[in-house]
Amino acid sequence: MKVMQKAESLLAHANDEAKLMEMRKKAAEDAEFEEEAPYEDL
């Protein structure tokens, strides 16, 4: 039973890591996009 809980805990952690990586990747893409397209309405 403990092994199962540990496995689920590791899996949840891996999921969080994957989400963080996705968010970082998206943030990086958004930053690149903003550099390419400066704000014209300011």
C-alpha atoms as a PDB file:
ATOM      1  CA  MET A   1       0.000   0.000   0.000  1.00  0.00           C
ATOM      2  CA  LYS A   2       2.797   2.447   0.865  1.00  0.00           C
ATOM      3  CA  VAL A   3       4.543   1.703  -2.422  1.00  0.00           C
ATOM      4  CA  MET A   4       1.366   2.599  -4.293  1.00  0.00           C
ATOM      5  CA  GLN A   5       1.073   5.900  -2.430  1.00  0.00           C
ATOM      6  CA  LYS A   6       4.706   6.733  -3.191  1.00  0.00           C
ATOM      7  CA  ALA A   7       4.202   5.947  -6.868  1.00  0.00           C
ATOM      8  CA  GLU A   8       1.122   8.188  -7.021  1.00  0.00           C
ATOM      9  CA  SER A   9       3.031  10.945  -5.250  1.00  0.00           C
ATOM     10  CA  LEU A  10       5.902  10.693  -7.752  1.00  0.00           C
ATOM     11  CA  LEU A  11       3.438  10.684 -10.629  1.00  0.00           C
ATOM     12  CA  ALA A  12       1.711  13.799  -9.321  1.00  0.00           C
ATOM     13  CA  HIS A  13       5.100  15.498  -8.959  1.00  0.00           C
ATOM     14  CA  ALA A  14       6.043  14.556 -12.525  1.00  0.00           C
ATOM     15  CA  ASN A  15       2.717  15.995 -13.711  1.00  0.00           C
ATOM     16  CA  ASP A  16       3.444  19.273 -11.925  1.00  0.00           C
ATOM     17  CA  GLU A  17       6.918  19.392 -13.484  1.00  0.00           C
ATOM     18  CA  ALA A  18       5.442  18.820 -16.940  1.00  0.00           C
ATOM     19  CA  LYS A  19       2.908  21.610 -16.395  1.00  0.00           C
ATOM     20  CA  LEU A  20       5.657  23.959 -15.234  1.00  0.00           C
ATOM     21  CA  MET A  21       7.724  23.174 -18.316  1.00  0.00           C
ATOM     22  CA  GLU A  22       4.711  23.800 -20.559  1.00  0.00           C
ATOM     23  CA  MET A  23       4.048  27.116 -18.827  1.00  0.00           C
ATOM     24  CA  ARG A  24       7.708  28.159 -19.137  1.00  0.00           C
ATOM     25  CA  LYS A  25       7.731  27.180 -22.813  1.00  0.00           C
ATOM     26  CA  LYS A  26       4.536  29.139 -23.475  1.00  0.00           C
ATOM     27  CA  ALA A  27       5.850  32.146 -21.545  1.00  0.00           C
ATOM     28  CA  ALA A  28       9.054  32.067 -23.596  1.00  0.00           C
ATOM     29  CA  GLU A  29       7.060  31.898 -26.821  1.00  0.00           C
ATOM     30  CA  ASP A  30       4.852  34.790 -25.677  1.00  0.00           C
ATOM     31  CA  ALA A  31       7.936  36.859 -24.813  1.00  0.00           C
ATOM     32  CA  GLU A  32       9.449  36.198 -28.241  1.00  0.00           C
ATOM     33  CA  PHE A  33       6.172  37.153 -29.889  1.00  0.00           C
ATOM     34  CA  GLU A  34       6.028  40.427 -27.955  1.00  0.00           C
ATOM     35  CA  GLU A  35       9.596  41.292 -29.006  1.00  0.00           C
ATOM     36  CA  GLU A  36       8.709  40.708 -32.653  1.00  0.00           C
ATOM     37  CA  ALA A  37       5.493  42.733 -32.447  1.00  0.00           C
ATOM     38  CA  PRO A  38       6.008  45.948 -30.462  1.00  0.00           C
ATOM     39  CA  TYR A  39       2.980  47.697 -29.051  1.00  0.00           C
ATOM     40  CA  GLU A  40       1.739  50.297 -31.525  1.00  0.00           C
ATOM     41  CA  ASP A  41      -1.160  51.568 -29.429  1.00  0.00           C
ATOM     42  CA  LEU A  42       1.029  52.952 -26.629  1.00  0.00           C
END
